[in-house]
Protein backbone atom coordinates (compact mmCIF):
# COMPACT_ATOMS: atom_id res chain seq x y z
CA MET A 1 66.31 -46.22 -15.78
CA ARG A 2 62.62 -45.63 -15.27
CA SER A 3 60.35 -45.83 -18.23
CA ASN A 4 58.39 -42.82 -19.50
CA HIS A 5 55.23 -44.65 -18.46
CA GLN A 6 56.46 -44.85 -14.87
CA LYS A 7 57.30 -41.13 -14.87
CA ARG A 8 53.79 -40.25 -16.05
CA MET A 9 52.27 -42.47 -13.34
CA LYS A 10 54.23 -40.59 -10.69
CA LYS A 11 52.75 -37.25 -11.79
CA ILE A 12 49.10 -38.25 -11.61
CA PRO A 13 48.71 -38.19 -7.80
CA ILE A 14 50.36 -34.75 -7.66
CA LEU A 15 47.90 -33.35 -10.21
CA LEU A 16 44.99 -34.86 -8.28
CA LEU A 17 46.27 -33.33 -5.06
CA ILE A 18 46.51 -29.88 -6.60
CA SER A 19 42.98 -30.15 -8.03
CA THR A 20 41.58 -31.31 -4.71
CA ALA A 21 43.24 -28.47 -2.86
CA PHE A 22 41.81 -25.94 -5.31
CA VAL A 23 38.25 -27.25 -4.84
CA ALA A 24 38.65 -27.34 -1.08
CA CYS A 25 39.78 -23.71 -0.95
CA LYS A 26 37.02 -22.40 -3.20
CA LYS A 27 34.00 -21.42 -1.07
CA GLU A 28 30.60 -20.61 -2.44
CA THR A 29 29.38 -17.12 -1.59
CA ALA A 30 26.03 -15.34 -1.48
CA THR A 31 24.89 -11.73 -1.47
CA VAL A 32 23.22 -10.69 1.77
CA THR A 33 22.02 -7.54 3.50
CA LYS A 34 23.60 -6.51 6.78
CA ILE A 35 22.72 -3.81 9.31
CA ASP A 36 25.53 -2.23 11.28
CA PRO A 37 24.44 -2.48 14.95
CA GLU A 38 26.27 0.75 15.83
CA THR A 39 25.30 3.07 12.97
CA GLY A 40 22.23 1.33 11.54
CA LYS A 41 23.82 1.60 8.08
CA ILE A 42 22.55 -0.96 5.59
CA THR A 43 25.07 -2.64 3.28
CA THR A 44 25.08 -5.48 0.77
CA VAL A 45 28.07 -7.83 1.05
CA GLU A 46 29.40 -11.17 -0.23
CA VAL A 47 29.68 -13.80 2.51
CA PRO A 48 30.31 -17.57 2.67
CA LYS A 49 27.13 -19.39 1.74
CA ASP A 50 27.21 -21.51 4.89
CA SER A 51 26.74 -18.35 6.99
CA VAL A 52 23.70 -17.07 5.08
CA LYS A 53 21.20 -18.76 7.38
CA GLU A 54 22.56 -16.95 10.41
CA ILE A 55 22.62 -13.55 8.66
CA ALA A 56 19.22 -14.06 7.04
CA GLU A 57 17.73 -14.23 10.52
CA ILE A 58 18.49 -10.52 10.99
CA PRO A 59 15.03 -8.94 10.67
CA ALA A 60 14.10 -6.11 8.32
CA ILE A 61 12.93 -3.99 11.26
CA LYS A 62 15.73 -4.18 13.80
CA ASP A 63 16.80 -2.37 16.95
CA SER A 64 19.97 -0.31 16.74
CA ALA A 65 20.80 1.40 20.05
CA GLY A 66 17.08 1.48 20.92
CA VAL A 67 16.05 2.93 17.53
CA PHE A 68 14.04 0.89 15.01
CA LYS A 69 14.38 1.47 11.28
CA GLN A 70 12.39 -0.10 8.47
CA ILE A 71 13.84 -1.70 5.37
CA PHE A 72 12.42 -4.43 3.14
CA LYS A 73 13.97 -7.89 2.98
CA LEU A 74 11.93 -9.52 0.24
CA GLU A 75 12.69 -12.87 -1.33
CA LYS A 76 13.33 -13.17 -5.06
CA GLY A 77 10.56 -15.17 -6.74
CA LYS A 78 8.13 -14.70 -3.86
CA THR A 79 4.79 -12.86 -4.08
CA TYR A 80 3.49 -10.62 -1.28
CA PRO A 81 -0.24 -9.77 -0.99
CA LEU A 82 -1.85 -6.35 -0.63
CA VAL A 83 -5.62 -6.76 -0.43
CA THR A 84 -7.45 -3.58 0.61
CA LEU A 85 -11.08 -3.58 1.78
CA GLN A 86 -12.80 -0.27 2.48
CA LYS A 87 -16.23 -0.21 4.14
CA ASP A 88 -18.35 2.95 4.43
CA SER A 89 -21.72 3.42 6.12
CA ARG A 90 -23.52 6.76 6.14
CA THR A 91 -26.68 7.96 7.85
CA ILE A 92 -28.34 11.27 7.00
CA THR A 93 -30.93 12.72 9.38
CA LEU A 94 -33.28 15.15 7.63
CA PRO A 95 -34.87 18.26 9.23
CA ASP A 96 -38.17 16.37 9.79
CA GLY A 97 -36.35 13.72 11.86
CA THR A 98 -36.44 10.95 9.27
CA SER A 99 -33.20 9.29 8.25
CA GLN A 100 -31.64 7.62 5.23
CA SER A 101 -28.81 5.10 5.36
CA GLY A 102 -26.52 3.43 2.88
CA THR A 103 -23.34 1.37 2.77
CA ASN A 104 -20.51 1.03 0.28
CA GLU A 105 -17.74 -1.55 0.08
CA SER A 106 -14.79 -1.75 -2.28
CA THR A 107 -12.05 -4.37 -2.52
CA ASP A 108 -8.77 -3.99 -4.41
CA ASP A 109 -6.85 -7.25 -4.74
CA MET A 110 -3.19 -6.74 -5.68
CA SER A 111 0.08 -8.55 -5.11
CA PHE A 112 3.78 -7.77 -5.53
CA THR A 113 6.16 -10.31 -7.10
CA ILE A 114 9.89 -9.88 -6.51
CA ASN A 115 11.68 -10.40 -9.84
CA GLU A 116 15.19 -9.32 -8.93
CA PHE A 117 17.27 -7.59 -6.28
CA LYS A 118 20.43 -5.92 -7.52
CA ASN A 119 22.58 -3.04 -6.27
CA GLY A 120 20.16 -2.34 -3.44
CA VAL A 121 17.13 -2.01 -5.76
CA TYR A 122 14.16 -4.36 -6.09
CA ASP A 123 12.56 -5.04 -9.47
CA ILE A 124 8.91 -5.80 -8.65
CA SER A 125 5.82 -6.73 -10.68
CA ILE A 126 2.59 -5.23 -9.32
CA ASN A 127 -0.19 -7.68 -10.19
CA ILE A 128 -3.78 -6.41 -10.46
CA ILE A 129 -5.86 -9.43 -9.46
CA GLY A 130 -9.42 -8.27 -8.84
CA LYS A 131 -11.77 -5.41 -7.99
CA LYS A 132 -15.17 -5.50 -6.32
CA ILE A 133 -17.69 -2.77 -5.50
CA SER A 134 -21.00 -3.13 -3.66
CA GLN A 135 -23.63 -0.57 -2.60
CA SER A 136 -26.68 -1.03 -0.39
CA ALA A 137 -29.53 1.46 0.12
CA ASP A 138 -33.33 1.30 0.51
CA GLY A 139 -33.18 -2.47 0.89
CA LYS A 140 -31.41 -2.96 -2.45
CA THR A 141 -27.85 -4.09 -3.09
CA ILE A 142 -25.85 -3.82 -6.29
CA VAL A 143 -22.53 -5.58 -6.87
CA VAL A 144 -19.87 -5.07 -9.53
CA ASP A 145 -17.27 -7.83 -9.24
CA THR A 146 -14.59 -8.71 -11.80
CA LYS A 147 -14.75 -12.34 -10.61
CA THR A 148 -18.39 -12.66 -11.68
CA ALA A 149 -20.35 -11.93 -14.87
CA ALA A 150 -21.04 -8.37 -16.00
CA PRO A 151 -24.22 -6.78 -14.56
CA GLN A 152 -27.16 -6.08 -16.88
CA GLU A 153 -27.52 -2.35 -16.11
CA GLU A 154 -25.62 -0.25 -18.66
CA ASP A 155 -24.04 2.16 -16.17
CA LEU A 156 -22.87 -0.72 -13.97
CA LYS A 157 -21.67 -2.66 -17.01
CA MET A 158 -19.37 0.24 -17.92
CA ILE A 159 -17.81 0.20 -14.44
CA TRP A 160 -17.38 -3.58 -14.75
CA ASN A 161 -15.74 -3.21 -18.18
CA VAL A 162 -13.24 -0.68 -16.82
CA ASN A 163 -12.36 -2.83 -13.81
CA LYS A 164 -12.28 -6.05 -15.82
CA SER A 165 -9.84 -4.56 -18.32
CA LEU A 166 -7.56 -3.61 -15.43
CA VAL A 167 -7.46 -7.13 -14.01
CA GLY A 168 -4.65 -9.35 -15.22
CA ASN A 169 -2.30 -6.46 -16.00
CA LYS A 170 1.06 -5.79 -14.41
CA LEU A 171 2.96 -2.67 -13.53
CA GLN A 172 6.73 -2.65 -13.01
CA MET A 173 8.13 -0.99 -9.92
CA LYS A 174 11.70 -0.13 -8.97
CA MET A 175 12.10 0.25 -5.21
CA LYS A 176 15.09 0.82 -2.97
CA GLU A 177 15.66 -1.43 -0.01
CA ASN A 178 14.52 1.38 2.31
CA GLY A 179 11.10 1.53 0.60
CA GLU A 180 11.75 4.56 -1.62
CA VAL A 181 9.88 4.02 -4.88
CA LEU A 182 12.07 5.07 -7.81
CA SER A 183 9.59 4.44 -10.62
CA ILE A 184 6.39 2.65 -11.63
CA THR A 185 5.93 1.96 -15.34
CA GLY A 186 3.55 0.12 -17.65
CA PHE A 187 0.54 2.44 -17.53
CA GLU A 188 0.21 3.27 -21.23
CA PRO A 189 -0.72 -0.27 -22.42
CA ILE A 190 -3.33 -0.40 -19.63
CA TYR A 191 -4.79 2.97 -20.64
CA LYS A 192 -5.21 1.70 -24.20
CA LYS A 193 -6.79 -1.54 -23.03
CA VAL A 194 -9.31 0.24 -20.78
CA LEU A 195 -10.28 2.75 -23.47
CA ALA A 196 -10.79 -0.06 -26.00
CA ALA A 197 -13.05 -1.88 -23.53
CA VAL A 198 -15.44 1.06 -23.03
CA GLU A 199 -15.07 3.09 -26.23
CA SER A 200 -18.20 1.66 -27.87
CA THR A 201 -20.34 2.75 -24.91
CA LEU A 202 -19.04 6.33 -24.74
CA THR A 203 -20.62 9.40 -26.30
CA ALA A 204 -18.46 11.75 -28.36
CA GLU A 205 -18.18 14.09 -25.38
CA GLN A 206 -17.22 11.25 -23.03
CA LYS A 207 -14.57 10.01 -25.46
CA ALA A 208 -12.91 13.40 -25.22
CA THR A 209 -12.86 13.51 -21.41
CA PHE A 210 -12.69 9.88 -20.26
CA PRO A 211 -8.98 9.18 -21.00
CA GLU A 212 -7.76 12.10 -18.89
CA TYR A 213 -10.28 11.37 -16.15
CA PHE A 214 -9.13 7.76 -15.93
CA LYS A 215 -5.45 8.70 -16.00
CA SER A 216 -6.00 11.14 -13.12
CA SER A 217 -7.26 8.29 -10.91
CA PHE A 218 -4.77 5.63 -12.02
CA ASN A 219 -1.19 6.78 -12.42
CA GLN A 220 2.28 6.54 -10.93
CA GLU A 221 1.63 9.10 -8.18
CA ILE A 222 -1.61 7.42 -7.06
CA ILE A 223 -0.05 3.94 -6.84
CA LYS A 224 3.13 5.29 -5.24
CA ASP A 225 1.09 7.20 -2.64
CA GLN A 226 -0.96 4.08 -1.87
CA PHE A 227 2.20 2.03 -1.42
CA MET A 228 3.88 4.58 0.86
CA LYS A 229 0.78 5.03 3.05
CA ASN A 230 0.20 1.32 3.51
CA LEU A 231 3.73 -0.08 3.64
CA LYS A 232 6.49 2.47 4.23
CA LEU A 233 5.48 3.69 7.68
CA ILE A 234 8.50 4.12 9.96
CA PRO A 235 10.42 7.40 9.34
CA GLU A 236 13.86 7.13 7.75
CA LYS A 237 15.58 8.34 10.92
CA GLY A 238 13.99 5.51 12.91
CA VAL A 239 11.90 5.63 16.09
CA LYS A 240 11.97 4.21 19.63
CA ILE A 241 9.28 2.16 21.33
CA GLY A 242 6.56 4.58 22.47
CA GLU A 243 7.79 7.38 20.18
CA LYS A 244 5.24 9.36 18.14
CA TRP A 245 5.48 10.86 14.65
CA THR A 246 2.92 12.64 12.50
CA GLN A 247 1.98 13.12 8.87
CA SER A 248 -0.30 15.80 7.46
CA GLU A 249 -2.10 15.98 4.12
CA ASN A 250 -4.69 18.20 2.48
CA ALA A 251 -8.33 17.30 3.07
CA SER A 252 -9.63 20.15 0.90
CA ALA A 253 -8.70 21.28 -2.59
CA ASP A 254 -7.38 24.64 -1.40
CA GLY A 255 -5.35 23.10 1.42
CA SER A 256 -7.17 25.07 4.12
CA VAL A 257 -8.31 21.86 5.82
CA LYS A 258 -5.72 19.23 6.68
CA ILE A 259 -5.98 15.74 8.13
CA THR A 260 -3.27 14.81 10.61
CA THR A 261 -2.30 11.23 11.41
CA THR A 262 -0.30 10.43 14.53
CA TYR A 263 1.66 7.16 14.68
CA VAL A 264 3.06 5.42 17.77
CA LEU A 265 5.45 2.47 17.72
CA LYS A 266 3.78 0.26 20.33
CA SER A 267 5.84 -2.92 20.25
CA VAL A 268 8.39 -4.96 18.31
CA GLY A 269 8.95 -8.69 18.80
CA ASN A 270 7.92 -12.24 17.95
CA GLY A 271 8.13 -11.38 14.24
CA SER A 272 5.64 -8.50 14.41
CA VAL A 273 5.78 -4.71 14.65
CA GLU A 274 2.69 -2.97 16.03
CA ILE A 275 1.95 0.64 15.14
CA GLU A 276 -1.03 2.50 16.58
CA ILE A 277 -2.58 5.43 14.75
CA SER A 278 -4.92 8.26 15.75
CA GLY A 279 -5.74 11.81 14.71
CA GLY A 280 -8.08 13.40 12.20
CA ILE A 281 -9.53 16.86 11.59
CA PRO A 282 -10.51 19.01 14.60
CA LYS A 283 -14.06 20.34 14.73
CA LYS A 284 -14.44 23.20 12.28
CA SER A 285 -17.39 25.58 11.80
CA ASP A 286 -18.28 27.91 8.96
CA LYS A 287 -21.10 30.47 9.02
CA GLN A 288 -22.49 32.46 6.09
CA THR A 289 -25.57 34.69 5.78
CA GLN A 290 -27.41 35.41 2.54
CA GLN A 291 -30.76 37.14 2.14
CA GLY A 292 -31.48 36.94 5.85
CA VAL A 293 -30.79 33.20 6.14
CA THR A 294 -27.75 32.01 8.07
CA ARG A 295 -26.17 28.72 7.13
CA THR A 296 -23.87 27.12 9.69
CA VAL A 297 -21.84 24.02 8.90
CA SER A 298 -19.73 22.22 11.48
CA SER A 299 -17.73 19.06 10.83
CA GLU A 300 -15.03 16.89 12.36
CA LEU A 301 -13.17 13.69 11.57
CA SER A 302 -11.49 11.22 13.90
CA GLN A 303 -9.51 8.08 13.16
CA ASN A 304 -7.87 5.28 15.11
CA GLY A 305 -6.54 1.82 14.44
CA THR A 306 -3.62 -0.58 14.36
CA ILE A 307 -1.11 -1.63 11.71
CA ILE A 308 0.94 -4.82 12.06
CA LEU A 309 4.12 -5.17 10.00
CA ASP A 310 6.13 -8.35 9.47
CA GLN A 311 9.35 -7.73 11.37
CA ASN A 312 11.35 -10.09 9.16
CA THR A 313 10.33 -8.69 5.76
CA GLY A 314 9.01 -5.18 6.51
CA TRP A 315 5.75 -6.04 4.66
CA VAL A 316 2.31 -5.32 6.11
CA LYS A 317 0.67 -8.28 7.88
CA LYS A 318 -2.64 -6.59 8.57
CA GLN A 319 -4.25 -3.21 9.13
CA ASN A 320 -7.56 -2.08 10.54
CA ILE A 321 -8.25 1.64 10.71
CA SER A 322 -11.61 3.21 11.61
CA VAL A 323 -12.63 6.70 10.52
CA LYS A 324 -15.68 8.62 11.77
CA THR A 325 -16.94 11.81 10.11
CA ALA A 326 -19.76 13.93 11.53
CA GLN A 327 -21.31 16.99 9.90
CA THR A 328 -24.16 19.23 11.05
CA GLU A 329 -25.80 21.77 8.74
CA THR A 330 -28.19 24.36 10.20
CA TYR A 331 -30.33 27.01 8.46
CA SER A 332 -31.89 29.88 10.44
CA ASP A 333 -33.77 33.08 9.65
CA GLY A 334 -33.70 34.18 13.29
CA THR A 335 -37.01 32.62 14.25
CA GLN A 336 -36.94 29.17 12.70
CA PHE A 337 -34.25 26.50 12.56
CA GLN A 338 -33.71 23.55 10.30
CA THR A 339 -30.95 21.05 10.97
CA MET A 340 -29.59 18.20 8.89
CA LYS A 341 -26.99 15.76 10.22
CA SER A 342 -24.69 13.32 8.48
CA VAL A 343 -22.61 10.63 10.19
CA SER A 344 -20.20 8.40 8.29
CA ASN A 345 -18.26 5.43 9.67
CA SER A 346 -15.52 3.91 7.56
CA SER A 347 -12.92 1.22 8.00
CA VAL A 348 -9.87 0.36 5.92
CA ILE A 349 -8.71 -3.24 6.28
CA ILE A 350 -5.59 -4.68 4.63
CA ASN A 351 -4.74 -8.37 4.23
C-alpha cells in the first residue's frame, strides 16, 4: 500500500500542469481604435496585446473607399503643442501722399496633455505656457512678454499682469475621438486670479467693467472656436483628394459682411495631410452723402495658405495662412477729392 506521502507527491505535477495551462491560455489584451474599411465607422475594441502594434499603425486620417475622415489618435500621457504666431503689418497712405506704417506680433504658447481616454472621450489638460505681444511704429518697439520682466510703463504693466496671471494655469477639456469638444472647464479660478493681479491698478469704474470684458475674450466658446478652426478641419462626412468645402462666418457685427474660407484636400501620405485654403471677402463699396460731401468706402479681403496635419494623430503639424486687407476711403464735394488708403498684411503661423 502506498503511503499518504507518495499519494501527495503524485498530485503535485497534475496541479502544476493545470496552473501552467491556465497561464498559457490567458492572453493580455489592450483597448484600441479601429476603422471599418467599408463603412468608415470608428469603434473601440479589446484585442490581444501582441496585435496592438499592427493596429496602432492605422492612421487617424485614413482612406475609406476614396474618402478621408479625420479622427484623433492621441497617446495617453503625451503632450501636443499649439503655438500660434500672428503677424500684422499696416500702411496708411494719407491724402497728402505721406504714409504711416506699423507692425504687431502676438504669440500664444499652449499645449494639450492627454490625461485619459475612456469610452471614446479624451480627458485633456490645456496648458497656458506663455504670451508675447510686440508693436513697432515710428522707429520704436514695445514688447510685453510673460517670459521677461514686467515693463515700466503703467499701461503695459497692466497687460503684462493680465497675461502673466494666465500663464501656468490649466483648463480641462473633454473631447470626442472625432474632435467634437464636449466641454472646457476651469475658467472661474483663472478669472479670480487675473482680477486679483490687476485690481489694485483699476479705477472704480474699471473694476465694474473689467471682469465682464475679460470673460468675453476668454471663455469656453472662444477656446472651443480656436480649437475647431485650427485642428478639426475635415468635415464629418469626409472628403476625397481634390475635393473642396467651405465655411462662412460673420465679419461684421450685424452679419451683413461674411468671410468665406474654401478648403481643398491636396494630398495624403508619408504621415502628412496637406490642406490648401483660399477665399476672403469680395470687394464691397458703400457710398453716403451728407451736407454735399460724398464719402465712398471700398474694401476687400483675400486669404491663402496651407495647413499640414499629422496623418497618424490628426494633430496640426504646421500652418501658414496669409491675409491681405485693402481699404480705400474717398471724400468728394464734386470738385475736389481726397483719398486715404489702408493696406494690411497678416499671417497666422502655427507650430
